Amino acid sequence: MPEEYPVIIIGAGMAGLACANWLHRAGRSSVVLEAADAVGGRVRTDVTPDGFRLDRGFQILLTDYPEARRMFDYGSLRLKNYESGAVIRLANGKETVLENPMRVPLAAFAALGSPIGTFSDKMLIAKFVAQLQGQSPEQLLARPSETTLSFLRHYGWSEQIIDSFFRPFFGGVYLARDLGTASNFFAFVFQQFSRGNAAVPALGMQQLPEQLAARLPAGTVRLHTPVAAVLEGGRAVRLASGETLRAAATVLATDGPAAAQLLGEEAGTAPAARATTCTYFTTAGAAPSHGRRLLHLNAAPNTLVHNVAFPTEVSPEVAPSGQGLISVSTHGEHGLSDEDLTARLRTELAAWFGPTAALWQHVRTYHIPQALPVYGPGQPPQQPLRLGETLLRCGDWVSYPSLNAALGTGRQAAEMLLSQA
């Protein structure tokens, strides 16, 4: 590999920044080319003129992710934890508070008459938690898989707990309530929720990529630099400006469709992805979260409000003093204009949180078509990262849909390059 040229990494998302960091730690130079105006890829936070900090889509960091623990300085991020559990709105409109059943399964269902599931369901959760102990994430992801829904049924859980807990909770993780995601990924995520916390940096999720970018030498990351093509099997790239840059090797750290375009492949070869919409509202004074840092899940079918979070309860710094911030997630394609979606959300929110919810001020709506890659039964936990001697790829779209996979594939791509230097 010619030492006079740097490794070119296309994309300053989590995978690309991880790759650059591991190369830098080993003394290998790289250049990260990013088309956008800031680092982060899908992990971005916007600051409004009024001082609200809006993550582009509801996101959390699971603190026990192995790659995250390798990569981040949690203390500098000033992580703020959600409480371990959720408020669930049942199909009949009633609410119940569920402490995290993945961490303390029997305490979570203290009342035998809990509307979430049967006594047998609660015993099965305790059994599943015990079975996951001592297994590594790699072992869980290597399991044979079926859909999560079929796994839940085969394991013995009732339709009651599937509809009132698993669909709203893991439907939010997967961005799809059909629970068609592979069961090996379900086991991995279940273990992560049982071991660690769901957290956000005090100033928003973009603090994660910014921490990684800050560790790189000045000039490593070039923003506003879209790439038009990868040339010579990764030994050069052509920028949209017409400039050609020579490379020791090139790493594609974009999303799937962008990678396919750069390689000159048909759009249909890009992996499928799930879409989500995040709508932000504000309210004067405290948000109606009952003072708890809990995610609110909607188990009622045929609704646009799938889950609701109150970011200011977790980190007051994401809003001006005295203001409440509400994040509402709608998964999948809905075909509504922002105005129609906002109106219908207000109606559903008022039925849940009371008539004052109809008065919440709409701030911004984010449509995220490539929010998460689809990961179905039978997919390998990771596809090949090496496309050629001097061309590699990384990102959760070549693995499983999570921040852990993005960071992990970035690290592995760097290790592959270093092993051949």
Protein backbone atom coordinates (compact mmCIF):
# COMPACT_ATOMS: atom_id res chain seq x y z
CA MET A 1 0.00 0.00 0.00
CA PRO A 2 1.65 3.30 -1.07
CA GLU A 3 2.49 5.26 2.06
CA GLU A 4 2.60 8.60 0.27
CA TYR A 5 -1.18 8.63 -0.10
CA PRO A 6 -3.71 8.65 2.75
CA VAL A 7 -6.62 6.30 3.13
CA ILE A 8 -9.68 8.09 1.79
CA ILE A 9 -12.86 7.49 3.80
CA ILE A 10 -16.07 8.56 2.10
CA GLY A 11 -18.60 9.58 4.73
CA ALA A 12 -18.17 11.15 8.19
CA GLY A 13 -20.89 9.14 9.87
CA MET A 14 -20.22 6.89 12.82
CA ALA A 15 -18.59 4.13 10.76
CA GLY A 16 -16.30 6.46 8.84
CA LEU A 17 -15.22 8.37 11.94
CA ALA A 18 -14.54 5.12 13.80
CA CYS A 19 -12.40 3.89 10.91
CA ALA A 20 -10.43 7.16 10.86
CA ASN A 21 -9.93 7.05 14.63
CA TRP A 22 -8.54 3.51 14.62
CA LEU A 23 -6.22 4.38 11.73
CA HIS A 24 -5.03 7.49 13.56
CA ARG A 25 -4.34 5.52 16.73
CA ALA A 26 -2.04 3.31 14.66
CA GLY A 27 -0.28 6.28 13.07
CA ARG A 28 -1.92 5.88 9.65
CA SER A 29 -3.13 9.03 7.89
CA SER A 30 -6.57 9.36 6.40
CA VAL A 31 -8.86 11.93 4.82
CA VAL A 32 -12.60 11.80 5.52
CA LEU A 33 -14.75 13.30 2.77
CA GLU A 34 -18.24 14.37 3.82
CA ALA A 35 -20.86 15.92 1.55
CA ALA A 36 -22.87 17.45 4.40
CA ASP A 37 -22.16 20.52 6.53
CA ALA A 38 -21.27 18.57 9.69
CA VAL A 39 -20.14 15.15 10.85
CA GLY A 40 -22.49 12.46 12.08
CA GLY A 41 -24.42 11.06 9.12
CA ARG A 42 -27.76 10.02 10.61
CA VAL A 43 -26.56 11.03 14.08
CA ARG A 44 -27.15 14.77 13.91
CA THR A 45 -28.52 17.47 16.22
CA ASP A 46 -29.92 20.78 14.99
CA VAL A 47 -30.09 23.91 17.11
CA THR A 48 -33.10 26.13 16.38
CA PRO A 49 -32.95 29.94 16.58
CA ASP A 50 -34.89 29.66 19.85
CA GLY A 51 -32.28 27.38 21.37
CA PHE A 52 -33.93 23.95 21.11
CA ARG A 53 -31.56 21.08 20.33
CA LEU A 54 -33.33 18.60 18.06
CA ASP A 55 -31.88 15.19 17.28
CA ARG A 56 -32.74 14.13 13.75
CA GLY A 57 -35.01 11.33 14.82
CA PHE A 58 -35.41 9.79 18.25
CA GLN A 59 -32.12 8.10 19.10
CA ILE A 60 -30.46 6.70 22.19
CA LEU A 61 -27.08 5.23 23.07
CA LEU A 62 -27.13 1.81 24.71
CA THR A 63 -24.22 2.21 27.07
CA ASP A 64 -23.21 -1.46 27.15
CA TYR A 65 -22.57 -1.62 23.41
CA PRO A 66 -19.08 -3.17 23.25
CA GLU A 67 -17.91 -0.90 20.44
CA ALA A 68 -19.25 2.22 22.15
CA ARG A 69 -17.36 1.37 25.32
CA ARG A 70 -14.19 0.99 23.25
CA MET A 71 -14.72 4.26 21.42
CA PHE A 72 -16.30 6.96 23.60
CA ASP A 73 -15.33 8.91 26.68
CA TYR A 74 -18.66 8.67 28.47
CA GLY A 75 -17.65 11.19 31.13
CA SER A 76 -16.97 13.94 28.60
CA LEU A 77 -20.32 13.29 26.94
CA ARG A 78 -22.12 13.92 30.26
CA LEU A 79 -24.54 11.11 29.51
CA LYS A 80 -28.09 11.46 30.79
CA ASN A 81 -29.98 8.23 31.34
CA TYR A 82 -33.58 7.43 30.64
CA GLU A 83 -35.24 5.56 33.47
CA SER A 84 -35.20 1.82 32.97
CA GLY A 85 -38.72 1.08 31.84
CA ALA A 86 -41.60 2.62 29.94
CA VAL A 87 -45.08 4.03 30.21
CA ILE A 88 -47.33 1.94 27.98
CA ARG A 89 -50.67 3.14 26.68
CA LEU A 90 -52.77 0.04 26.20
CA ALA A 91 -55.28 -0.56 23.44
CA ASN A 92 -58.12 0.46 25.78
CA GLY A 93 -56.50 3.87 26.34
CA LYS A 94 -55.32 3.17 29.89
CA GLU A 95 -51.72 3.68 30.94
CA THR A 96 -49.49 1.35 32.88
CA VAL A 97 -45.93 1.95 34.05
CA LEU A 98 -43.61 -0.95 33.37
CA GLU A 99 -40.22 -1.11 35.02
CA ASN A 100 -37.62 -2.62 32.71
CA PRO A 101 -38.58 -6.31 32.46
CA MET A 102 -35.28 -7.05 30.72
CA ARG A 103 -33.31 -5.99 33.78
CA VAL A 104 -35.47 -7.03 36.76
CA PRO A 105 -38.17 -9.17 35.14
CA LEU A 106 -40.07 -10.23 38.26
CA ALA A 107 -39.98 -6.81 39.90
CA ALA A 108 -41.21 -5.28 36.66
CA PHE A 109 -44.34 -7.37 36.83
CA ALA A 110 -44.80 -7.11 40.59
CA ALA A 111 -48.56 -7.27 40.34
CA LEU A 112 -49.77 -10.67 39.23
CA GLY A 113 -52.73 -8.97 37.62
CA SER A 114 -50.56 -6.74 35.44
CA PRO A 115 -52.33 -6.00 32.16
CA ILE A 116 -49.08 -6.43 30.21
CA GLY A 117 -48.96 -10.22 30.31
CA THR A 118 -49.75 -13.43 32.13
CA PHE A 119 -47.85 -14.98 35.02
CA SER A 120 -46.37 -17.45 32.54
CA ASP A 121 -45.18 -14.54 30.37
CA LYS A 122 -43.33 -13.07 33.33
CA MET A 123 -41.65 -16.37 34.11
CA LEU A 124 -40.57 -16.70 30.49
CA ILE A 125 -38.94 -13.26 30.56
CA ALA A 126 -36.99 -14.25 33.68
CA LYS A 127 -35.97 -17.48 31.96
CA PHE A 128 -34.85 -15.66 28.81
CA VAL A 129 -32.80 -13.12 30.79
CA ALA A 130 -31.05 -16.02 32.56
CA GLN A 131 -30.34 -17.79 29.27
CA LEU A 132 -28.64 -14.69 27.86
CA GLN A 133 -26.26 -14.38 30.79
CA GLY A 134 -22.70 -15.34 29.94
CA GLN A 135 -23.25 -15.18 26.18
CA SER A 136 -21.27 -12.69 24.14
CA PRO A 137 -22.94 -10.40 21.61
CA GLU A 138 -21.11 -12.29 18.87
CA GLN A 139 -22.60 -15.59 20.07
CA LEU A 140 -26.10 -14.12 20.12
CA LEU A 141 -25.77 -12.66 16.63
CA ALA A 142 -24.44 -15.98 15.29
CA ARG A 143 -27.62 -17.81 16.34
CA PRO A 144 -29.90 -19.28 13.66
CA SER A 145 -32.72 -16.82 13.15
CA GLU A 146 -36.39 -16.55 12.39
CA THR A 147 -38.60 -13.49 12.63
CA THR A 148 -38.83 -11.97 16.08
CA LEU A 149 -42.60 -12.54 16.03
CA SER A 150 -42.27 -16.25 15.28
CA PHE A 151 -39.53 -16.57 17.91
CA LEU A 152 -41.72 -14.95 20.57
CA ARG A 153 -44.58 -17.32 19.78
CA HIS A 154 -42.35 -20.39 19.67
CA TYR A 155 -40.79 -19.41 22.99
CA GLY A 156 -44.26 -19.43 24.49
CA TRP A 157 -45.15 -15.79 25.08
CA SER A 158 -48.82 -14.94 24.81
CA GLU A 159 -50.40 -12.69 22.21
CA GLN A 160 -51.29 -10.38 25.11
CA ILE A 161 -47.69 -9.57 25.98
CA ILE A 162 -46.63 -9.57 22.34
CA ASP A 163 -49.20 -6.87 21.53
CA SER A 164 -48.90 -4.84 24.74
CA PHE A 165 -45.13 -4.92 25.22
CA PHE A 166 -43.03 -6.50 22.48
CA ARG A 167 -44.73 -4.78 19.53
CA PRO A 168 -44.58 -1.22 20.92
CA PHE A 169 -41.13 -1.60 22.50
CA PHE A 170 -39.21 -3.56 19.88
CA GLY A 171 -41.33 -2.05 17.12
CA GLY A 172 -39.69 1.21 18.18
CA VAL A 173 -36.24 -0.36 18.08
CA TYR A 174 -36.87 -1.92 14.65
CA LEU A 175 -39.02 0.95 13.31
CA ALA A 176 -41.57 -1.70 12.33
CA ARG A 177 -44.30 -3.25 14.46
CA ASP A 178 -44.64 -6.42 12.41
CA LEU A 179 -41.60 -7.75 14.33
CA GLY A 180 -40.20 -9.20 11.13
CA THR A 181 -36.61 -8.41 12.15
CA ALA A 182 -34.33 -11.39 12.75
CA SER A 183 -34.57 -13.06 16.16
CA ASN A 184 -30.79 -13.16 16.68
CA PHE A 185 -30.78 -9.35 16.64
CA PHE A 186 -33.71 -9.41 19.09
CA ALA A 187 -31.60 -11.47 21.50
CA PHE A 188 -28.68 -9.06 21.14
CA VAL A 189 -30.82 -5.98 21.78
CA PHE A 190 -32.63 -7.65 24.67
CA GLN A 191 -29.27 -8.36 26.31
CA GLN A 192 -28.08 -4.78 25.77
CA PHE A 193 -31.17 -3.35 27.47
CA SER A 194 -30.74 -5.79 30.35
CA ARG A 195 -27.08 -4.87 30.94
CA GLY A 196 -26.76 -1.15 30.26
CA ASN A 197 -28.60 2.13 30.22
CA ALA A 198 -30.44 3.97 27.48
CA ALA A 199 -28.73 7.35 27.45
CA VAL A 200 -28.21 10.55 25.49
CA PRO A 201 -25.37 13.08 25.68
CA ALA A 202 -26.41 16.21 27.56
CA LEU A 203 -26.26 18.35 24.41
CA GLY A 204 -27.74 15.87 21.98
CA MET A 205 -26.67 12.82 20.01
CA GLN A 206 -24.34 14.72 17.69
CA GLN A 207 -21.91 14.96 20.58
CA LEU A 208 -20.98 11.35 19.73
CA PRO A 209 -19.58 11.98 16.23
CA GLU A 210 -18.16 15.33 17.28
CA GLN A 211 -16.14 13.63 20.01
CA LEU A 212 -14.66 11.25 17.44
CA ALA A 213 -13.96 14.02 14.92
CA ALA A 214 -12.21 16.14 17.57
CA ARG A 215 -9.62 13.38 18.10
CA LEU A 216 -8.45 13.50 14.49
CA PRO A 217 -5.68 15.78 13.23
CA ALA A 218 -6.80 19.14 11.87
CA GLY A 219 -7.83 18.89 8.24
CA THR A 220 -8.64 15.18 8.34
CA VAL A 221 -12.37 15.77 7.86
CA ARG A 222 -13.37 17.77 4.79
CA LEU A 223 -17.00 18.92 4.91
CA HIS A 224 -19.01 20.11 1.89
CA THR A 225 -17.01 17.66 -0.22
CA PRO A 226 -19.30 15.32 -2.16
CA VAL A 227 -17.67 12.45 -4.06
CA ALA A 228 -18.78 11.67 -7.61
CA ALA A 229 -17.01 8.37 -8.26
CA VAL A 230 -14.53 5.83 -6.96
CA LEU A 231 -11.81 5.14 -9.50
CA GLU A 232 -9.17 2.48 -10.11
CA GLY A 233 -10.54 0.04 -7.59
CA GLY A 234 -10.19 2.52 -4.72
CA ARG A 235 -6.84 4.05 -5.63
CA ALA A 236 -8.47 7.37 -6.49
CA VAL A 237 -11.74 9.24 -6.09
CA ARG A 238 -13.26 11.98 -8.19
CA LEU A 239 -14.99 14.77 -6.33
CA ALA A 240 -18.16 16.46 -7.54
CA SER A 241 -15.99 19.55 -8.12
CA GLY A 242 -14.01 17.60 -10.72
CA GLU A 243 -10.89 17.26 -8.59
CA THR A 244 -9.29 13.81 -8.41
CA LEU A 245 -7.60 12.62 -5.22
CA ARG A 246 -5.12 9.75 -5.08
CA ALA A 247 -5.55 7.21 -2.27
CA ALA A 248 -3.69 4.33 -0.69
CA ALA A 249 -7.12 2.76 -0.38
CA THR A 250 -10.74 3.90 -0.21
CA VAL A 251 -13.33 3.02 2.40
CA LEU A 252 -16.99 3.48 1.55
CA ALA A 253 -18.61 4.63 4.80
CA THR A 254 -21.78 6.04 3.27
CA ASP A 255 -25.26 4.56 3.45
CA GLY A 256 -26.20 1.73 1.12
CA PRO A 257 -27.77 3.71 -1.74
CA ALA A 258 -24.87 6.18 -1.86
CA ALA A 259 -22.36 3.33 -1.89
CA ALA A 260 -24.20 1.66 -4.77
CA GLN A 261 -24.20 4.91 -6.72
CA LEU A 262 -20.48 5.46 -6.19
CA LEU A 263 -19.78 1.93 -7.41
CA GLY A 264 -21.97 2.46 -10.47
CA GLU A 265 -24.43 -0.21 -9.40
CA GLU A 266 -28.16 -0.23 -10.00
CA ALA A 267 -30.21 1.44 -7.28
CA GLY A 268 -32.04 -1.82 -6.67
CA THR A 269 -28.86 -3.44 -5.40
CA ALA A 270 -28.83 -1.17 -2.33
CA PRO A 271 -30.14 -2.79 0.86
CA ALA A 272 -33.70 -2.01 1.89
CA ALA A 273 -34.17 0.45 4.73
CA ARG A 274 -36.92 1.41 7.14
CA ALA A 275 -38.30 4.92 7.33
CA THR A 276 -39.38 6.94 10.31
CA THR A 277 -40.75 10.41 10.96
CA CYS A 278 -39.91 12.42 14.06
CA THR A 279 -42.13 15.38 14.93
CA TYR A 280 -41.10 17.85 17.62
CA PHE A 281 -43.45 19.94 19.73
CA THR A 282 -42.74 22.40 22.52
CA THR A 283 -44.77 23.50 25.49
CA ALA A 284 -44.38 26.26 28.02
CA GLY A 285 -43.50 24.77 31.37
CA ALA A 286 -42.95 21.12 32.12
CA ALA A 287 -44.01 18.46 29.65
CA PRO A 288 -46.70 16.03 30.87
CA SER A 289 -44.30 13.23 31.68
CA HIS A 290 -45.22 13.08 35.37
CA GLY A 291 -41.65 14.06 36.17
CA ARG A 292 -40.27 10.72 35.02
CA ARG A 293 -37.57 10.03 32.46
CA LEU A 294 -39.53 7.26 30.79
CA LEU A 295 -40.24 6.55 27.15
CA HIS A 296 -43.98 6.46 26.42
CA LEU A 297 -45.06 3.61 24.13
CA ASN A 298 -48.40 3.39 22.37
CA ALA A 299 -49.70 -0.18 22.16
CA ALA A 300 -52.97 0.91 20.52
CA PRO A 301 -53.16 -0.32 16.91
CA ASN A 302 -53.65 1.84 13.81
CA THR A 303 -52.15 5.00 15.29
CA LEU A 304 -49.62 7.50 14.00
CA VAL A 305 -48.18 8.13 17.46
CA HIS A 306 -45.94 5.15 18.08
CA ASN A 307 -43.72 6.43 20.85
CA VAL A 308 -43.32 9.71 22.69
CA ALA A 309 -40.23 10.99 24.50
CA PHE A 310 -39.74 14.06 26.65
CA PRO A 311 -36.08 15.00 26.07
CA THR A 312 -36.11 17.92 28.50
CA GLU A 313 -36.92 15.55 31.37
CA VAL A 314 -33.73 13.65 30.58
CA SER A 315 -31.49 16.62 29.75
CA PRO A 316 -32.88 20.13 30.43
CA GLU A 317 -30.05 21.56 28.33
CA VAL A 318 -31.78 20.64 25.06
CA ALA A 319 -34.31 23.45 25.51
CA PRO A 320 -34.41 27.02 26.81
CA SER A 321 -35.10 27.32 30.51
CA GLY A 322 -38.74 26.75 31.38
CA GLN A 323 -39.61 25.11 28.04
CA GLY A 324 -40.62 21.51 27.46
CA LEU A 325 -39.67 19.49 24.38
CA ILE A 326 -41.69 16.55 23.06
CA SER A 327 -40.47 14.04 20.46
CA VAL A 328 -43.11 11.98 18.63
CA SER A 329 -42.10 9.05 16.43
CA THR A 330 -44.13 7.63 13.55
CA HIS A 331 -42.66 4.56 11.89
CA GLY A 332 -42.95 3.61 8.24
CA GLU A 333 -44.49 5.44 5.31
CA HIS A 334 -47.65 7.40 6.05
CA GLY A 335 -48.10 9.49 2.90
CA LEU A 336 -49.21 12.61 4.80
CA SER A 337 -48.06 16.18 4.38
CA ASP A 338 -46.36 17.75 7.38
CA GLU A 339 -49.50 19.80 8.05
CA ASP A 340 -51.84 16.80 7.93
CA LEU A 341 -49.49 14.67 9.99
CA THR A 342 -49.13 17.37 12.65
CA ALA A 343 -52.91 17.82 12.87
CA ARG A 344 -53.55 14.11 13.25
CA LEU A 345 -50.75 13.74 15.78
CA ARG A 346 -52.25 16.54 17.87
CA THR A 347 -55.59 14.74 17.90
CA GLU A 348 -54.01 11.47 19.04
CA LEU A 349 -51.79 13.20 21.59
CA ALA A 350 -54.76 15.08 23.06
CA ALA A 351 -56.60 11.79 23.51
CA TRP A 352 -53.57 10.46 25.37
CA PHE A 353 -52.17 13.42 27.33
CA GLY A 354 -55.23 15.63 27.60
CA PRO A 355 -56.63 18.62 25.67
CA THR A 356 -53.59 20.83 26.32
CA ALA A 357 -51.61 18.60 23.96
CA ALA A 358 -53.61 20.09 21.09
CA LEU A 359 -51.98 23.42 21.97
CA TRP A 360 -48.39 22.20 21.80
CA GLN A 361 -46.36 24.23 19.33
CA HIS A 362 -45.00 22.36 16.33
CA VAL A 363 -41.26 22.98 15.89
CA ARG A 364 -39.97 20.72 13.17
CA THR A 365 -40.67 17.46 11.35
CA TYR A 366 -37.91 15.12 10.22
CA HIS A 367 -38.56 12.51 7.53
CA ILE A 368 -35.79 9.91 7.59
CA PRO A 369 -36.22 7.43 4.71
CA GLN A 370 -32.94 5.56 5.38
CA ALA A 371 -33.31 5.40 9.16
CA LEU A 372 -32.36 1.74 9.64
CA PRO A 373 -31.36 -1.04 7.26
CA VAL A 374 -33.74 -3.99 7.15
CA TYR A 375 -32.31 -7.04 8.91
CA GLY A 376 -34.37 -10.11 8.26
CA PRO A 377 -34.04 -13.80 9.14
CA GLY A 378 -31.16 -15.53 7.42
CA GLN A 379 -29.10 -12.42 6.85
CA PRO A 380 -25.50 -12.83 7.98
CA PRO A 381 -24.45 -10.77 11.01
CA GLN A 382 -21.93 -9.17 8.69
CA GLN A 383 -21.36 -9.09 4.95
CA PRO A 384 -17.82 -8.94 3.50
CA LEU A 385 -16.18 -5.58 4.12
CA ARG A 386 -13.47 -6.00 1.52
CA LEU A 387 -14.54 -5.32 -2.05
CA GLY A 388 -11.00 -5.37 -3.47
CA GLU A 389 -7.36 -5.01 -2.49
CA THR A 390 -7.75 -1.25 -2.01
CA LEU A 391 -11.50 -0.87 -1.65
CA LEU A 392 -13.49 -1.58 1.51
CA ARG A 393 -16.86 -0.69 2.97
CA CYS A 394 -18.30 -0.25 6.45
CA GLY A 395 -21.54 0.78 8.13
CA ASP A 396 -24.50 -0.87 9.79
CA TRP A 397 -26.03 -1.55 6.37
CA VAL A 398 -23.39 -4.26 5.78
CA SER A 399 -24.03 -5.73 9.22
CA TYR A 400 -26.99 -5.36 11.59
CA PRO A 401 -28.96 -2.14 12.29
CA SER A 402 -27.27 -0.44 15.22
CA LEU A 403 -24.67 2.09 16.29
CA ASN A 404 -22.61 -0.83 17.58
CA ALA A 405 -22.41 -2.33 14.09
CA ALA A 406 -21.48 1.00 12.50
CA LEU A 407 -18.61 1.47 14.95
CA GLY A 408 -17.56 -2.17 14.74
CA THR A 409 -17.37 -2.35 10.97
CA GLY A 410 -15.41 0.91 10.93
CA ARG A 411 -12.89 -0.60 13.33
CA GLN A 412 -12.62 -3.81 11.33
CA ALA A 413 -12.08 -1.92 8.07
CA ALA A 414 -9.21 -0.03 9.70
CA GLU A 415 -7.69 -3.26 11.01
CA MET A 416 -7.84 -4.79 7.54
CA LEU A 417 -5.99 -1.85 6.07
CA LEU A 418 -3.39 -1.85 8.82
CA SER A 419 -2.76 -5.57 8.42
CA GLN A 420 -1.71 -5.11 4.79
CA ALA A 421 0.38 -1.96 5.32
